[in-house]
C-alpha atoms as a PDB file:
ATOM      1  CA  MET A   1      16.406 -13.762 -23.597  1.00  0.00           C
ATOM      2  CA  GLU A   2      17.222 -13.770 -19.907  1.00  0.00           C
ATOM      3  CA  SER A   3      17.964 -10.046 -19.750  1.00  0.00           C
ATOM      4  CA  GLU A   4      14.746  -9.195 -21.606  1.00  0.00           C
ATOM      5  CA  GLY A   5      12.830 -11.365 -19.146  1.00  0.00           C
ATOM      6  CA  GLU A   6      14.400  -9.511 -16.234  1.00  0.00           C
ATOM      7  CA  ARG A   7      13.415  -6.171 -17.774  1.00  0.00           C
ATOM      8  CA  GLY A   8       9.830  -7.355 -18.156  1.00  0.00           C
ATOM      9  CA  VAL A   9       9.671  -8.628 -14.591  1.00  0.00           C
ATOM     10  CA  THR A  10      11.135  -5.382 -13.262  1.00  0.00           C
ATOM     11  CA  ALA A  11       8.491  -3.394 -15.149  1.00  0.00           C
ATOM     12  CA  LEU A  12       5.692  -5.524 -13.681  1.00  0.00           C
ATOM     13  CA  TRP A  13       7.041  -5.208 -10.136  1.00  0.00           C
ATOM     14  CA  GLN A  14       7.474  -1.464 -10.529  1.00  0.00           C
ATOM     15  CA  LYS A  15       3.873  -1.026 -11.668  1.00  0.00           C
ATOM     16  CA  ILE A  16       2.407  -2.801  -8.655  1.00  0.00           C
ATOM     17  CA  SER A  17       4.859  -1.335  -6.144  1.00  0.00           C
ATOM     18  CA  TYR A  18       2.870   1.910  -6.177  1.00  0.00           C
ATOM     19  CA  LEU A  19      -0.057   0.068  -4.591  1.00  0.00           C
ATOM     20  CA  ASN A  20       2.237  -1.176  -1.851  1.00  0.00           C
ATOM     21  CA  ASN A  21       3.459   2.377  -1.254  1.00  0.00           C
ATOM     22  CA  VAL A  22      -0.109   3.677  -0.978  1.00  0.00           C
ATOM     23  CA  GLY A  23      -1.015   0.827   1.376  1.00  0.00           C
ATOM     24  CA  VAL A  24       1.897   1.665   3.657  1.00  0.00           C
ATOM     25  CA  ILE A  25       1.641   5.465   3.577  1.00  0.00           C
ATOM     26  CA  ALA A  26      -2.148   5.836   3.961  1.00  0.00           C
ATOM     27  CA  PRO A  27      -2.331   4.467   7.540  1.00  0.00           C
ATOM     28  CA  LEU A  28       0.606   6.663   8.489  1.00  0.00           C
ATOM     29  CA  LEU A  29      -1.287   9.722   7.258  1.00  0.00           C
ATOM     30  CA  GLY A  30      -4.297   8.498   9.222  1.00  0.00           C
ATOM     31  CA  LEU A  31      -2.114   8.158  12.292  1.00  0.00           C
ATOM     32  CA  LEU A  32      -0.795  11.671  11.776  1.00  0.00           C
ATOM     33  CA  GLY A  33      -4.381  12.950  11.736  1.00  0.00           C
ATOM     34  CA  THR A  34      -5.129  10.923  14.856  1.00  0.00           C
ATOM     35  CA  VAL A  35      -2.203  12.466  16.693  1.00  0.00           C
ATOM     36  CA  THR A  36      -3.103  16.023  15.650  1.00  0.00           C
ATOM     37  CA  GLY A  37      -6.736  15.431  16.630  1.00  0.00           C
ATOM     38  CA  MET A  38      -5.730  14.145  20.035  1.00  0.00           C
ATOM     39  CA  ILE A  39      -3.346  17.085  20.510  1.00  0.00           C
ATOM     40  CA  GLN A  40      -6.248  19.384  19.660  1.00  0.00           C
ATOM     41  CA  SER A  41      -8.422  17.600  22.250  1.00  0.00           C
ATOM     42  CA  PHE A  42      -5.794  17.819  24.989  1.00  0.00           C
ATOM     43  CA  ASN A  43      -5.223  21.491  24.206  1.00  0.00           C
ATOM     44  CA  ALA A  44      -8.960  22.038  24.657  1.00  0.00           C
ATOM     45  CA  ILE A  45      -8.807  20.319  28.054  1.00  0.00           C
ATOM     46  CA  ALA A  46      -5.885  22.469  29.098  1.00  0.00           C
ATOM     47  CA  SER A  47      -6.902  25.865  27.843  1.00  0.00           C
ATOM     48  CA  GLU A  48     -10.568  26.319  26.921  1.00  0.00           C
ATOM     49  CA  ASP A  49     -13.253  27.487  29.305  1.00  0.00           C
ATOM     50  CA  SER A  50     -15.723  24.920  30.544  1.00  0.00           C
ATOM     51  CA  GLN A  51     -18.513  25.774  28.065  1.00  0.00           C
ATOM     52  CA  VAL A  52     -16.320  25.352  24.972  1.00  0.00           C
ATOM     53  CA  LYS A  53     -14.139  22.518  26.304  1.00  0.00           C
ATOM     54  CA  GLY A  54     -16.549  19.693  25.467  1.00  0.00           C
ATOM     55  CA  ILE A  55     -17.149  20.893  21.914  1.00  0.00           C
ATOM     56  CA  MET A  56     -13.436  21.380  21.207  1.00  0.00           C
ATOM     57  CA  MET A  57     -12.628  17.958  22.638  1.00  0.00           C
ATOM     58  CA  ALA A  58     -15.332  16.358  20.494  1.00  0.00           C
ATOM     59  CA  ILE A  59     -14.000  18.093  17.374  1.00  0.00           C
ATOM     60  CA  GLY A  60     -10.462  16.834  18.080  1.00  0.00           C
ATOM     61  CA  VAL A  61     -11.587  13.255  18.755  1.00  0.00           C
ATOM     62  CA  SER A  62     -13.789  13.361  15.664  1.00  0.00           C
ATOM     63  CA  GLN A  63     -10.813  14.464  13.553  1.00  0.00           C
ATOM     64  CA  ALA A  64      -8.727  11.669  15.035  1.00  0.00           C
ATOM     65  CA  MET A  65     -11.298   9.000  14.224  1.00  0.00           C
ATOM     66  CA  LEU A  66     -12.084  10.322  10.739  1.00  0.00           C
ATOM     67  CA  THR A  67      -8.449  10.445   9.667  1.00  0.00           C
ATOM     68  CA  THR A  68      -7.803   6.971  11.055  1.00  0.00           C
ATOM     69  CA  ALA A  69     -10.806   5.601   9.167  1.00  0.00           C
ATOM     70  CA  ALA A  70      -9.827   7.410   5.959  1.00  0.00           C
ATOM     71  CA  GLY A  71      -6.297   6.007   6.118  1.00  0.00           C
ATOM     72  CA  LEU A  72      -7.630   2.486   6.575  1.00  0.00           C
ATOM     73  CA  ILE A  73     -10.274   2.895   3.854  1.00  0.00           C
ATOM     74  CA  VAL A  74      -7.497   3.732   1.406  1.00  0.00           C
ATOM     75  CA  ALA A  75      -4.878   1.269   2.700  1.00  0.00           C
ATOM     76  CA  ILE A  76      -6.924  -1.922   2.988  1.00  0.00           C
ATOM     77  CA  PRO A  77      -8.099  -2.106  -0.656  1.00  0.00           C
ATOM     78  CA  ALA A  78      -4.679  -0.951  -1.898  1.00  0.00           C
ATOM     79  CA  MET A  79      -2.910  -3.715   0.005  1.00  0.00           C
ATOM     80  CA  ALA A  80      -5.492  -6.335  -1.007  1.00  0.00           C
ATOM     81  CA  LEU A  81      -5.081  -5.388  -4.661  1.00  0.00           C
ATOM     82  CA  TYR A  82      -1.293  -5.334  -4.292  1.00  0.00           C
ATOM     83  CA  PHE A  83      -1.231  -8.864  -2.831  1.00  0.00           C
ATOM     84  CA  TYR A  84      -3.556 -10.124  -5.564  1.00  0.00           C
ATOM     85  CA  LEU A  85      -1.463  -8.571  -8.333  1.00  0.00           C
ATOM     86  CA  ARG A  86       1.757  -9.760  -6.696  1.00  0.00           C
ATOM     87  CA  GLY A  87       0.434 -13.308  -6.898  1.00  0.00           C
ATOM     88  CA  ARG A  88      -0.414 -12.842 -10.558  1.00  0.00           C
ATOM     89  CA  VAL A  89       3.036 -11.422 -11.312  1.00  0.00           C
ATOM     90  CA  ILE A  90       4.682 -14.390  -9.594  1.00  0.00           C
ATOM     91  CA  ARG A  91       2.529 -16.812 -11.641  1.00  0.00           C
ATOM     92  CA  ILE A  92       3.289 -14.962 -14.893  1.00  0.00           C
ATOM     93  CA  VAL A  93       7.015 -14.977 -14.165  1.00  0.00           C
ATOM     94  CA  ALA A  94       6.937 -18.703 -13.393  1.00  0.00           C
ATOM     95  CA  GLU A  95       5.065 -19.427 -16.648  1.00  0.00           C
ATOM     96  CA  VAL A  96       7.430 -17.312 -18.737  1.00  0.00           C
ATOM     97  CA  GLU A  97      10.454 -18.989 -17.142  1.00  0.00           C
ATOM     98  CA  ALA A  98       8.967 -22.429 -17.838  1.00  0.00           C
ATOM     99  CA  HIS A  99       8.292 -21.541 -21.487  1.00  0.00           C
ATOM    100  CA  ALA A 100      11.759 -20.050 -21.873  1.00  0.00           C
ATOM    101  CA  SER A 101      13.333 -23.225 -20.458  1.00  0.00           C
ATOM    102  CA  GLU A 102      11.311 -25.354 -22.881  1.00  0.00           C
ATOM    103  CA  MET A 103      12.385 -23.140 -25.774  1.00  0.00           C
ATOM    104  CA  VAL A 104      16.061 -23.341 -24.819  1.00  0.00           C
ATOM    105  CA  GLU A 105      15.748 -27.107 -24.496  1.00  0.00           C
ATOM    106  CA  LEU A 106      14.162 -27.360 -27.951  1.00  0.00           C
ATOM    107  CA  LEU A 107      16.864 -25.150 -29.448  1.00  0.00           C
ATOM    108  CA  THR A 108      19.672 -27.171 -27.882  1.00  0.00           C
ATOM    109  CA  GLN A 109      18.110 -30.437 -29.109  1.00  0.00           C
ATOM    110  CA  GLY A 110      18.054 -29.063 -32.653  1.00  0.00           C
ATOM    111  CA  HIS A 111      21.846 -28.599 -32.631  1.00  0.00           C
ATOM    112  CA  GLU A 112      22.636 -32.185 -31.706  1.00  0.00           C
END
């Protein structure tokens, strides 16, 4: 009974771990976009002529802000849902353990 319970708990944790992974990776992808956008902006400062420089800088900063926002838009709901589901999994595991303990107690009382 104990080993089957552990298999069930592992399956539940594995299913919600994907949300945690998305919540961790999405801001990193946003940060990567931020860095590339800022690199693009600094390259424009260094190399473009004065007429194009402002436009190229704006494009780079825009890319940086958009990718940061996109990463957060994905990560925040994913993490919120992960924490909610983690709480539910913990409650389910506690309930199953309590019921299993009661069942074992009833079975051991029957043998006395």
